[in-house]
């Protein structure tokens, strides 16, 4: 074991042993334990000391209620990606290797970074006559990530004896996913593409995002857009900006990205959001994004519906459909866990609930039972938690459910949800009918063999006709959904009546 590995072992072994003990303890008690939170903060400090890879890993873990107890989640949620910038000598070398000689490429360049993060830093400059922000990778960052990930996996194998097999597999999966995706955040060609896609999706909502002026793997140059930091309440008030309205619009912007578009900004911490003097939202840093397909969005909406209505069966079914819960899990025990979590809300009115309370139900159940959260849902949970913190700063009375209701009712998503549910119901009905029709020839043959003849069955023509109508209406539903679904419902009722008659 080399010197670096020994240093990592010395830092992480005490953290890991405390975590293993705290996780078991937190599972057995409902009360919040501030001693465990202090252990979580000690873990955060260790991650900060160990550098960029651990800071980014800590941010991922901050959205993993299936792995970390609630006290650790609180500590890790405060982990900020702020690191002093590299020596400018290294940044200049990378810029000139990718863009060209600084003296000829830039009209001016401020060597003092305006921000520093774990993977890179940002400088102000004048580029082709425009105010620009120049984002540059840290020196040798890809090699640092590669080295650290190898060491982390080696140490995890050493720590395996201290944890149960399920937890080991879950942490291994997190590391595998993290290893595969972290390099996207150091590849600014990927970020440039993210900016283009998100920009096209949200341009009609009057959201401001930077324009890409140049992009390579290690350097990206964007138009510089100044603004008031979103959490600078004093300055926002001085500009006469309506803070409750801003909080509502900010959350609505991200919920729209999540539920309407093919890609969403997954890192809305205060450093990545600013507000223009006239109250428009400005978004920065598109390195961490999430992508949800239509099917997953639909299932997420159903989970929202279950959480808002405090319906244990809908919550459980949605988690199963989202692959967050193993189909082999004991449904009775999990349902009881959901009921207990709902009871802990002490009868809170739905309109008074916020995202933390809603997710607390899911979080408690996820931590208690063997769940596996898909990566995109992890990013969604991180996004929601960060965003609500900002919205609460702007408006202490902010309620997530009211924003959700806005997009569901005012923007037609509830109708889309119901239409999709009806379409699924119709599809299942067709499959059931088709299976029933498959049996009829066998039934006919059996009766012929038994009686030598089959009496005329008046039900058969009717059911075949209704089945044909049902199939036609499902195909017709894409162009005329409302009429189709009315006919489908009538058709199914008639079919049931004929069968029972």
Protein backbone atom coordinates (compact mmCIF):
# COMPACT_ATOMS: atom_id res chain seq x y z
CA UNK A 1 0.00 0.00 0.00
CA UNK A 2 1.54 3.32 -1.10
CA UNK A 3 1.61 6.61 0.79
CA UNK A 4 -1.55 8.03 -0.81
CA UNK A 5 -3.51 4.85 -0.11
CA UNK A 6 -2.33 4.88 3.52
CA UNK A 7 -3.51 8.49 3.85
CA UNK A 8 -6.93 7.64 2.43
CA UNK A 9 -7.21 4.59 4.68
CA UNK A 10 -6.37 6.64 7.77
CA UNK A 11 -9.04 9.20 6.88
CA UNK A 12 -11.78 6.84 5.76
CA UNK A 13 -11.60 3.85 8.08
CA UNK A 14 -12.89 5.75 11.17
CA UNK A 15 -15.58 7.35 8.98
CA UNK A 16 -16.69 3.99 7.62
CA UNK A 17 -16.79 2.27 11.00
CA UNK A 18 -18.89 5.09 12.50
CA UNK A 19 -21.18 5.06 9.46
CA UNK A 20 -21.77 1.30 9.75
CA UNK A 21 -22.66 1.64 13.43
CA UNK A 22 -24.77 4.79 12.94
CA UNK A 23 -26.76 3.24 10.10
CA UNK A 24 -27.84 0.32 12.28
CA UNK A 25 -28.63 2.62 15.18
CA UNK A 26 -30.67 5.04 13.05
CA UNK A 27 -32.74 2.15 11.66
CA UNK A 28 -33.84 1.17 15.17
CA UNK A 29 -34.87 4.63 16.39
CA UNK A 30 -37.36 7.15 15.04
CA UNK A 31 -35.98 10.19 16.87
CA UNK A 32 -33.46 12.45 15.15
CA UNK A 33 -30.00 11.91 16.69
CA UNK A 34 -27.71 14.97 16.63
CA UNK A 35 -24.72 12.87 17.66
CA UNK A 36 -25.14 10.87 14.45
CA UNK A 37 -25.42 14.14 12.49
CA UNK A 38 -22.07 15.23 13.98
CA UNK A 39 -20.55 11.99 12.73
CA UNK A 40 -21.99 12.82 9.31
CA UNK A 41 -20.36 16.25 9.42
CA UNK A 42 -17.04 14.64 10.34
CA UNK A 43 -17.43 12.44 7.26
CA UNK A 44 -18.12 15.54 5.13
CA UNK A 45 -14.96 17.21 6.45
CA UNK A 46 -12.92 14.10 5.62
CA UNK A 47 -14.32 14.11 2.07
CA UNK A 48 -13.41 17.79 1.64
CA UNK A 49 -9.84 17.15 2.82
CA UNK A 50 -9.45 14.24 0.39
CA UNK A 51 -10.22 16.47 -2.59
CA UNK A 52 -12.26 16.72 -5.82
CA UNK A 53 -13.29 13.08 -6.31
CA UNK A 54 -14.64 12.80 -2.77
CA UNK A 55 -16.45 16.13 -2.93
CA UNK A 56 -18.32 15.03 -6.05
CA UNK A 57 -18.98 11.58 -4.55
CA UNK A 58 -20.31 13.23 -1.38
CA UNK A 59 -22.76 15.25 -3.47
CA UNK A 60 -24.05 12.04 -5.04
CA UNK A 61 -24.40 10.38 -1.62
CA UNK A 62 -26.36 13.40 -0.33
CA UNK A 63 -29.30 12.16 -2.42
CA UNK A 64 -29.12 8.51 -1.37
CA UNK A 65 -31.67 7.88 1.41
CA UNK A 66 -31.35 4.17 0.65
CA UNK A 67 -27.73 4.30 1.87
CA UNK A 68 -27.36 7.13 4.37
CA UNK A 69 -29.36 7.65 7.57
CA UNK A 70 -31.35 10.89 7.72
CA UNK A 71 -28.76 12.55 9.98
CA UNK A 72 -25.99 11.92 7.42
CA UNK A 73 -28.24 13.18 4.63
CA UNK A 74 -28.61 16.47 6.48
CA UNK A 75 -24.84 16.80 6.89
CA UNK A 76 -24.03 15.83 3.29
CA UNK A 77 -26.70 18.15 1.86
CA UNK A 78 -24.56 21.08 3.07
CA UNK A 79 -21.49 19.88 1.14
CA UNK A 80 -20.57 22.76 -1.17
CA UNK A 81 -18.47 22.32 -4.30
CA UNK A 82 -16.15 25.22 -3.49
CA UNK A 83 -12.42 24.70 -3.81
CA UNK A 84 -9.64 27.30 -4.28
CA UNK A 85 -8.75 27.56 -7.99
CA UNK A 86 -5.61 26.05 -9.51
CA UNK A 87 -2.45 28.09 -9.90
CA UNK A 88 -3.07 30.17 -13.03
CA UNK A 89 0.04 28.71 -14.65
CA UNK A 90 -1.79 25.38 -15.05
CA UNK A 91 -5.01 27.02 -16.27
CA UNK A 92 -3.10 29.09 -18.86
CA UNK A 93 -1.36 25.98 -20.18
CA UNK A 94 -4.70 24.16 -20.67
CA UNK A 95 -6.33 27.20 -22.29
CA UNK A 96 -3.49 27.68 -24.78
CA UNK A 97 -3.41 23.97 -25.65
CA UNK A 98 -7.13 24.11 -26.50
CA UNK A 99 -7.88 27.64 -27.70
CA UNK A 100 -4.56 29.21 -28.73
CA UNK A 101 -2.17 31.87 -27.44
CA UNK A 102 -4.02 33.96 -24.90
CA UNK A 103 -2.51 37.22 -26.15
CA UNK A 104 -4.01 36.69 -29.61
CA UNK A 105 -7.26 34.90 -28.73
CA UNK A 106 -8.54 37.20 -25.95
CA UNK A 107 -8.81 40.98 -25.99
CA UNK A 108 -8.51 40.86 -22.19
CA UNK A 109 -8.32 38.15 -19.53
CA UNK A 110 -8.62 38.43 -15.74
CA UNK A 111 -6.25 35.90 -14.19
CA UNK A 112 -8.19 35.94 -10.89
CA UNK A 113 -10.83 33.22 -11.04
CA UNK A 114 -14.40 34.33 -10.29
CA UNK A 115 -15.20 30.87 -8.93
CA UNK A 116 -13.47 27.62 -8.13
CA UNK A 117 -14.96 24.14 -7.91
CA UNK A 118 -13.68 20.62 -7.45
CA UNK A 119 -13.29 19.88 -11.16
CA UNK A 120 -12.51 23.29 -12.61
CA UNK A 121 -12.55 27.07 -12.30
CA UNK A 122 -14.05 30.04 -14.15
CA UNK A 123 -12.40 33.25 -15.36
CA UNK A 124 -13.74 36.44 -16.95
CA UNK A 125 -12.41 37.55 -20.31
CA UNK A 126 -13.16 39.44 -23.52
CA UNK A 127 -13.50 37.00 -26.42
CA UNK A 128 -14.27 38.09 -29.99
CA UNK A 129 -15.65 41.36 -28.70
CA UNK A 130 -17.97 39.77 -26.16
CA UNK A 131 -17.90 39.50 -22.39
CA UNK A 132 -17.11 35.86 -21.71
CA UNK A 133 -16.79 33.30 -18.92
CA UNK A 134 -13.95 30.84 -19.53
CA UNK A 135 -14.36 27.52 -17.73
CA UNK A 136 -11.19 25.41 -17.46
CA UNK A 137 -10.52 21.93 -16.12
CA UNK A 138 -8.24 21.48 -13.15
CA UNK A 139 -4.72 20.36 -13.92
CA UNK A 140 -4.52 16.58 -14.48
CA UNK A 141 -8.09 16.15 -13.20
CA UNK A 142 -8.90 13.01 -15.23
CA UNK A 143 -5.84 11.22 -13.84
CA UNK A 144 -6.71 12.35 -10.31
CA UNK A 145 -10.23 10.95 -10.71
CA UNK A 146 -8.90 7.68 -12.12
CA UNK A 147 -6.38 7.26 -9.28
CA UNK A 148 -8.92 8.08 -6.58
CA UNK A 149 -11.57 5.75 -7.96
CA UNK A 150 -9.11 2.85 -8.02
CA UNK A 151 -8.17 3.54 -4.39
CA UNK A 152 -11.82 3.88 -3.30
CA UNK A 153 -12.75 0.52 -4.83
CA UNK A 154 -9.72 -1.11 -3.21
CA UNK A 155 -10.65 0.31 0.20
CA UNK A 156 -14.29 -0.74 -0.20
CA UNK A 157 -13.14 -4.34 -0.66
CA UNK A 158 -11.16 -3.99 2.57
CA UNK A 159 -14.21 -2.58 4.42
CA UNK A 160 -16.52 -5.29 3.08
CA UNK A 161 -16.23 -7.35 6.26
CA UNK A 162 -17.79 -4.55 8.33
CA UNK A 163 -21.10 -4.30 6.42
CA UNK A 164 -23.84 -6.64 5.21
CA UNK A 165 -23.75 -7.91 1.66
CA UNK A 166 -26.73 -5.84 0.47
CA UNK A 167 -25.14 -2.57 1.55
CA UNK A 168 -21.83 -3.58 -0.05
CA UNK A 169 -23.58 -4.30 -3.37
CA UNK A 170 -25.48 -0.98 -3.19
CA UNK A 171 -22.31 1.04 -2.52
CA UNK A 172 -20.52 -0.85 -5.30
CA UNK A 173 -23.32 0.05 -7.70
CA UNK A 174 -23.08 3.72 -6.70
CA UNK A 175 -19.33 3.69 -7.35
CA UNK A 176 -19.73 1.96 -10.71
CA UNK A 177 -22.29 4.51 -11.84
CA UNK A 178 -20.24 7.40 -10.43
CA UNK A 179 -17.10 6.11 -12.17
CA UNK A 180 -18.89 5.88 -15.51
CA UNK A 181 -20.46 9.35 -15.37
CA UNK A 182 -18.08 11.64 -13.49
CA UNK A 183 -15.93 12.11 -16.59
CA UNK A 184 -18.90 13.71 -18.37
CA UNK A 185 -18.52 16.63 -15.98
CA UNK A 186 -14.91 17.15 -17.05
CA UNK A 187 -15.83 16.94 -20.75
CA UNK A 188 -17.07 20.38 -21.79
CA UNK A 189 -18.22 19.06 -25.18
CA UNK A 190 -20.91 17.18 -23.23
CA UNK A 191 -21.81 20.34 -21.30
CA UNK A 192 -22.08 22.33 -24.54
CA UNK A 193 -24.57 19.79 -25.86
CA UNK A 194 -26.53 19.93 -22.57
CA UNK A 195 -26.75 23.73 -22.85
CA UNK A 196 -28.06 23.47 -26.40
CA UNK A 197 -30.74 20.91 -25.53
CA UNK A 198 -31.94 22.62 -22.35
CA UNK A 199 -31.86 26.01 -24.09
CA UNK A 200 -34.14 24.77 -26.87
CA UNK A 201 -36.54 23.29 -24.32
CA UNK A 202 -36.95 26.32 -22.06
CA UNK A 203 -36.51 29.29 -24.41
CA UNK A 204 -40.28 29.91 -24.52
CA UNK A 205 -40.31 30.39 -20.73
CA UNK A 206 -38.03 33.45 -20.84
CA UNK A 207 -35.22 31.81 -18.86
CA UNK A 208 -31.72 33.16 -19.51
CA UNK A 209 -28.84 30.76 -20.15
CA UNK A 210 -25.36 31.46 -21.57
CA UNK A 211 -24.46 31.01 -25.23
CA UNK A 212 -21.59 28.67 -26.11
CA UNK A 213 -18.83 30.56 -27.96
CA UNK A 214 -16.22 27.79 -27.95
CA UNK A 215 -16.01 24.25 -26.59
CA UNK A 216 -13.38 21.55 -26.35
CA UNK A 217 -12.96 18.68 -23.93
CA UNK A 218 -11.02 20.79 -21.39
CA UNK A 219 -12.23 24.37 -22.01
CA UNK A 220 -15.59 25.97 -22.65
CA UNK A 221 -16.14 29.67 -23.36
CA UNK A 222 -19.61 31.07 -22.68
CA UNK A 223 -21.18 34.49 -22.85
CA UNK A 224 -20.83 36.14 -19.44
CA UNK A 225 -24.19 36.89 -17.87
CA UNK A 226 -24.08 38.73 -14.57
CA UNK A 227 -26.87 38.71 -12.05
CA UNK A 228 -27.86 38.79 -8.40
CA UNK A 229 -27.18 35.57 -6.52
CA UNK A 230 -30.53 33.86 -6.01
CA UNK A 231 -30.12 33.67 -2.23
CA UNK A 232 -29.11 37.35 -1.85
CA UNK A 233 -32.51 38.33 -0.48
CA UNK A 234 -31.43 41.84 0.46
CA UNK A 235 -30.35 42.81 -3.05
CA UNK A 236 -33.38 41.17 -4.62
CA UNK A 237 -35.67 43.20 -2.37
CA UNK A 238 -33.77 46.38 -3.26
CA UNK A 239 -34.56 45.67 -6.93
CA UNK A 240 -38.23 45.36 -6.05
CA UNK A 241 -38.47 41.71 -7.05
CA UNK A 242 -41.49 39.77 -5.75
CA UNK A 243 -39.75 36.96 -3.80
CA UNK A 244 -42.73 34.58 -3.34
CA UNK A 245 -43.47 34.86 -7.07
CA UNK A 246 -39.79 34.27 -7.86
CA UNK A 247 -39.72 31.13 -5.66
CA UNK A 248 -42.82 29.81 -7.40
CA UNK A 249 -41.43 30.50 -10.90
CA UNK A 250 -38.05 29.02 -10.03
CA UNK A 251 -39.53 25.74 -8.84
CA UNK A 252 -41.96 25.70 -11.76
CA UNK A 253 -38.99 26.06 -14.17
CA UNK A 254 -37.28 22.95 -12.84
CA UNK A 255 -40.47 20.90 -12.49
CA UNK A 256 -41.26 21.72 -16.12
CA UNK A 257 -37.81 20.50 -17.15
CA UNK A 258 -38.37 17.30 -15.18
CA UNK A 259 -41.91 16.49 -16.29
CA UNK A 260 -42.03 18.02 -19.77
CA UNK A 261 -38.56 17.72 -21.31
CA UNK A 262 -36.04 15.00 -22.15
CA UNK A 263 -33.30 16.53 -19.96
CA UNK A 264 -33.19 18.53 -16.70
CA UNK A 265 -30.61 20.60 -14.82
CA UNK A 266 -29.74 18.43 -11.80
CA UNK A 267 -27.52 20.79 -9.80
CA UNK A 268 -29.52 23.90 -8.80
CA UNK A 269 -27.37 25.03 -5.88
CA UNK A 270 -27.25 28.80 -5.17
CA UNK A 271 -24.00 29.28 -7.12
CA UNK A 272 -25.67 28.05 -10.30
CA UNK A 273 -28.69 30.38 -10.27
CA UNK A 274 -28.82 34.17 -10.52
CA UNK A 275 -31.55 36.75 -11.09
CA UNK A 276 -31.41 39.64 -13.54
CA UNK A 277 -32.34 43.17 -12.48
CA UNK A 278 -35.79 42.74 -14.02
CA UNK A 279 -36.42 39.45 -12.20
CA UNK A 280 -35.58 36.89 -14.89
CA UNK A 281 -34.00 33.58 -13.89
CA UNK A 282 -30.42 32.93 -15.06
CA UNK A 283 -29.03 29.37 -15.03
CA UNK A 284 -25.34 28.38 -15.04
CA UNK A 285 -23.31 25.15 -15.07
CA UNK A 286 -24.90 22.36 -17.08
CA UNK A 287 -22.40 19.62 -16.28
CA UNK A 288 -24.72 17.58 -14.03
CA UNK A 289 -27.97 16.76 -15.81
CA UNK A 290 -30.63 14.08 -15.57
CA UNK A 291 -32.73 12.42 -18.26
CA UNK A 292 -36.15 10.85 -17.77
CA UNK A 293 -38.05 8.95 -20.45
CA UNK A 294 -41.81 9.40 -20.82
CA UNK A 295 -42.60 6.13 -19.06
CA UNK A 296 -40.52 7.07 -15.99
CA UNK A 297 -42.13 10.53 -15.87
CA UNK A 298 -45.57 8.93 -15.86
CA UNK A 299 -44.59 6.62 -13.00
CA UNK A 300 -43.13 9.56 -11.09
CA UNK A 301 -46.40 11.45 -11.49
CA UNK A 302 -48.25 8.46 -10.05
CA UNK A 303 -45.84 8.47 -7.09
CA UNK A 304 -46.58 12.18 -6.58
CA UNK A 305 -50.28 11.37 -6.66
CA UNK A 306 -49.82 8.69 -3.99
CA UNK A 307 -47.68 10.93 -1.77
CA UNK A 308 -50.07 13.86 -2.01
CA UNK A 309 -53.09 11.68 -1.29
CA UNK A 310 -51.20 9.67 1.37
CA UNK A 311 -52.14 6.44 -0.38
CA UNK A 312 -49.82 3.57 0.72
CA UNK A 313 -50.85 1.24 -2.12
CA UNK A 314 -50.22 3.84 -4.84
CA UNK A 315 -46.87 4.75 -3.27
CA UNK A 316 -45.81 1.11 -3.10
CA UNK A 317 -47.01 0.30 -6.63
CA UNK A 318 -45.23 3.35 -8.01
CA UNK A 319 -41.96 2.45 -6.30
CA UNK A 320 -42.24 -1.06 -7.73
CA UNK A 321 -42.87 0.32 -11.22
CA UNK A 322 -39.90 2.68 -10.87
CA UNK A 323 -37.68 -0.32 -10.04
CA UNK A 324 -36.86 1.30 -6.71
CA UNK A 325 -38.23 -1.71 -4.83
CA UNK A 326 -37.55 -5.37 -5.48
CA UNK A 327 -40.66 -7.32 -6.60
CA UNK A 328 -39.61 -10.01 -4.10
CA UNK A 329 -39.92 -7.61 -1.15
CA UNK A 330 -42.57 -8.28 1.50
CA UNK A 331 -45.41 -5.96 0.48
CA UNK A 332 -47.22 -6.26 3.81
CA UNK A 333 -44.20 -5.12 5.83
CA UNK A 334 -43.39 -2.31 3.41
CA UNK A 335 -46.98 -1.12 3.38
CA UNK A 336 -46.88 -0.93 7.17
CA UNK A 337 -43.67 1.11 6.95
CA UNK A 338 -45.31 3.53 4.54
CA UNK A 339 -48.37 3.86 6.79
CA UNK A 340 -46.15 4.66 9.78
CA UNK A 341 -44.23 7.27 7.79
CA UNK A 342 -47.50 8.87 6.66
CA UNK A 343 -48.76 8.86 10.26
CA UNK A 344 -45.64 10.78 11.30
CA UNK A 345 -46.83 13.72 9.22
CA UNK A 346 -49.37 14.25 12.02
CA UNK A 347 -52.29 14.92 9.69
CA UNK A 348 -50.61 17.75 7.81
CA UNK A 349 -52.85 19.31 5.16
CA UNK A 350 -51.67 18.42 1.66
CA UNK A 351 -51.49 22.09 0.65
CA UNK A 352 -49.22 22.76 3.63
CA UNK A 353 -46.75 19.98 2.81
CA UNK A 354 -43.42 20.64 1.14
CA UNK A 355 -41.04 18.42 -0.78
CA UNK A 356 -39.06 17.45 2.32
CA UNK A 357 -42.18 16.16 4.05
CA UNK A 358 -43.35 14.32 0.94
CA UNK A 359 -39.94 12.75 0.36
CA UNK A 360 -39.65 11.92 4.06
CA UNK A 361 -42.31 9.24 3.51
CA UNK A 362 -40.37 7.70 0.66
CA UNK A 363 -37.00 8.22 2.36
CA UNK A 364 -38.02 6.41 5.53
CA UNK A 365 -39.27 3.42 3.61
CA UNK A 366 -36.31 3.40 1.22
CA UNK A 367 -33.83 3.39 4.10
CA UNK A 368 -35.70 0.72 6.03
CA UNK A 369 -36.04 -1.83 3.22
CA UNK A 370 -33.87 -3.16 0.36
CA UNK A 371 -34.39 -0.51 -2.28
CA UNK A 372 -32.28 0.31 -5.33
CA UNK A 373 -32.75 3.82 -6.63
CA UNK A 374 -32.15 4.33 -10.37
CA UNK A 375 -29.61 7.08 -11.02
CA UNK A 376 -32.04 9.49 -12.64
CA UNK A 377 -34.33 9.35 -9.60
CA UNK A 378 -31.32 10.05 -7.38
CA UNK A 379 -30.55 13.15 -9.45
CA UNK A 380 -34.20 14.15 -9.28
CA UNK A 381 -34.24 13.85 -5.47
CA UNK A 382 -31.03 15.89 -5.24
CA UNK A 383 -32.47 18.52 -7.56
CA UNK A 384 -35.72 18.76 -5.59
CA UNK A 385 -33.98 19.04 -2.24
CA UNK A 386 -31.52 21.73 -3.37
CA UNK A 387 -34.24 23.70 -5.08
CA UNK A 388 -36.57 23.70 -2.13
CA UNK A 389 -33.81 25.06 0.10
CA UNK A 390 -33.47 28.05 -2.24
CA UNK A 391 -37.22 28.56 -2.52
CA UNK A 392 -37.59 28.49 1.28
CA UNK A 393 -34.88 31.15 1.53
CA UNK A 394 -36.83 33.38 -0.86
CA UNK A 395 -40.22 32.58 0.66
CA UNK A 396 -40.41 30.89 4.10
CA UNK A 397 -44.04 29.97 3.31
CA UNK A 398 -43.18 28.27 0.01
CA UNK A 399 -45.06 24.99 -0.62
CA UNK A 400 -43.93 22.58 -3.30
CA UNK A 401 -47.39 21.01 -3.64
CA UNK A 402 -48.88 24.29 -4.86
CA UNK A 403 -46.32 24.45 -7.68
CA UNK A 404 -46.98 20.83 -8.55
CA UNK A 405 -50.70 21.56 -8.65
CA UNK A 406 -50.02 24.50 -10.97
CA UNK A 407 -48.25 22.38 -13.56
CA UNK A 408 -50.66 19.46 -13.20
CA UNK A 409 -53.87 21.45 -13.52
CA UNK A 410 -53.01 24.65 -15.38
CA UNK A 411 -50.64 23.08 -17.91
CA UNK A 412 -52.67 19.96 -18.66
CA UNK A 413 -50.39 17.31 -17.21
CA UNK A 414 -53.16 15.81 -15.12
CA UNK A 415 -55.22 15.24 -18.25
CA UNK A 416 -52.20 13.60 -19.91
CA UNK A 417 -51.78 11.38 -16.85
CA UNK A 418 -55.43 10.28 -16.92
CA UNK A 419 -55.36 9.67 -20.67
CA UNK A 420 -52.25 7.53 -20.32
CA UNK A 421 -53.83 5.57 -17.46
CA UNK A 422 -56.95 4.98 -19.57
CA UNK A 423 -54.80 3.92 -22.50
CA UNK A 424 -52.95 1.44 -20.30
CA UNK A 425 -56.26 0.15 -19.01
CA UNK A 426 -57.53 -0.29 -22.55
CA UNK A 427 -54.36 -2.08 -23.64
CA UNK A 428 -54.64 -4.49 -20.70
CA UNK A 429 -58.29 -5.05 -21.54
CA UNK A 430 -57.40 -5.95 -25.14
CA UNK A 431 -54.79 -8.43 -23.95
CA UNK A 432 -57.33 -10.01 -21.61
CA UNK A 433 -59.93 -10.22 -24.38
CA UNK A 434 -57.41 -11.67 -26.83
CA UNK A 435 -56.48 -14.34 -24.31
CA UNK A 436 -60.19 -15.08 -23.81
CA UNK A 437 -60.77 -15.37 -27.55
CA UNK A 438 -57.82 -17.76 -27.85
CA UNK A 439 -59.73 -20.15 -25.61
CA UNK A 440 -62.90 -20.20 -27.74
CA UNK A 441 -61.65 -22.62 -30.45
CA UNK A 442 -60.51 -25.01 -27.75
CA UNK A 443 -63.89 -24.73 -26.03
CA UNK A 444 -65.69 -25.32 -29.33
CA UNK A 445 -63.64 -28.45 -30.04
CA UNK A 446 -64.24 -29.81 -26.53
CA UNK A 447 -68.00 -29.35 -26.86
CA UNK A 448 -68.04 -30.96 -30.30
CA UNK A 449 -66.14 -33.96 -28.98
CA UNK A 450 -68.53 -34.21 -26.07
CA UNK A 451 -71.88 -33.66 -27.77
CA UNK A 452 -71.08 -34.24 -31.43
CA UNK A 453 -72.33 -30.75 -32.18
CA UNK A 454 -72.27 -27.29 -30.66
CA UNK A 455 -75.32 -25.26 -30.12
CA UNK A 456 -75.37 -21.78 -31.49
CA UNK A 457 -73.75 -19.38 -29.06
CA UNK A 458 -75.32 -15.95 -29.34
CA UNK A 459 -72.73 -14.38 -27.06
CA UNK A 460 -69.80 -15.11 -29.35
CA UNK A 461 -70.70 -12.75 -32.25
CA UNK A 462 -71.44 -9.95 -29.80
CA UNK A 463 -68.16 -10.31 -27.91
CA UNK A 464 -66.15 -10.55 -31.14
CA UNK A 465 -67.86 -7.38 -32.42
CA UNK A 466 -67.20 -5.49 -29.17
CA UNK A 467 -63.60 -6.66 -29.19
CA UNK A 468 -63.17 -5.28 -32.71
CA UNK A 469 -64.66 -1.95 -31.60
CA UNK A 470 -62.30 -1.85 -28.61
CA UNK A 471 -59.20 -2.45 -30.75
CA UNK A 472 -60.35 0.17 -33.27
CA UNK A 473 -60.90 2.77 -30.56
CA UNK A 474 -57.44 2.19 -29.04
CA UNK A 475 -55.89 2.83 -32.47
CA UNK A 476 -58.23 5.81 -32.98
CA UNK A 477 -57.32 7.28 -29.55
CA UNK A 478 -54.08 8.87 -30.75
CA UNK A 479 -55.96 11.31 -32.98
CA UNK A 480 -59.24 11.61 -31.02
CA UNK A 481 -58.51 10.63 -27.39
CA UNK A 482 -61.63 11.96 -25.63
CA UNK A 483 -64.19 10.34 -27.96
CA UNK A 484 -62.18 7.12 -28.07
CA UNK A 485 -61.98 6.70 -24.31
CA UNK A 486 -65.70 7.34 -23.86
CA UNK A 487 -66.46 4.61 -26.42
CA UNK A 488 -63.87 2.29 -24.82
CA UNK A 489 -65.53 2.62 -21.41
CA UNK A 490 -69.00 1.95 -22.86
CA UNK A 491 -67.59 -0.97 -24.84
CA UNK A 492 -66.04 -2.62 -21.78
CA UNK A 493 -69.26 -2.19 -19.77
CA UNK A 494 -71.30 -3.85 -22.56
CA UNK A 495 -68.75 -6.64 -22.86
CA UNK A 496 -68.98 -7.36 -19.12
CA UNK A 497 -72.79 -7.27 -19.29
CA UNK A 498 -72.94 -9.77 -22.17
CA UNK A 499 -70.51 -12.17 -20.53
CA UNK A 500 -72.50 -12.19 -17.26
CA UNK A 501 -75.91 -12.42 -18.98
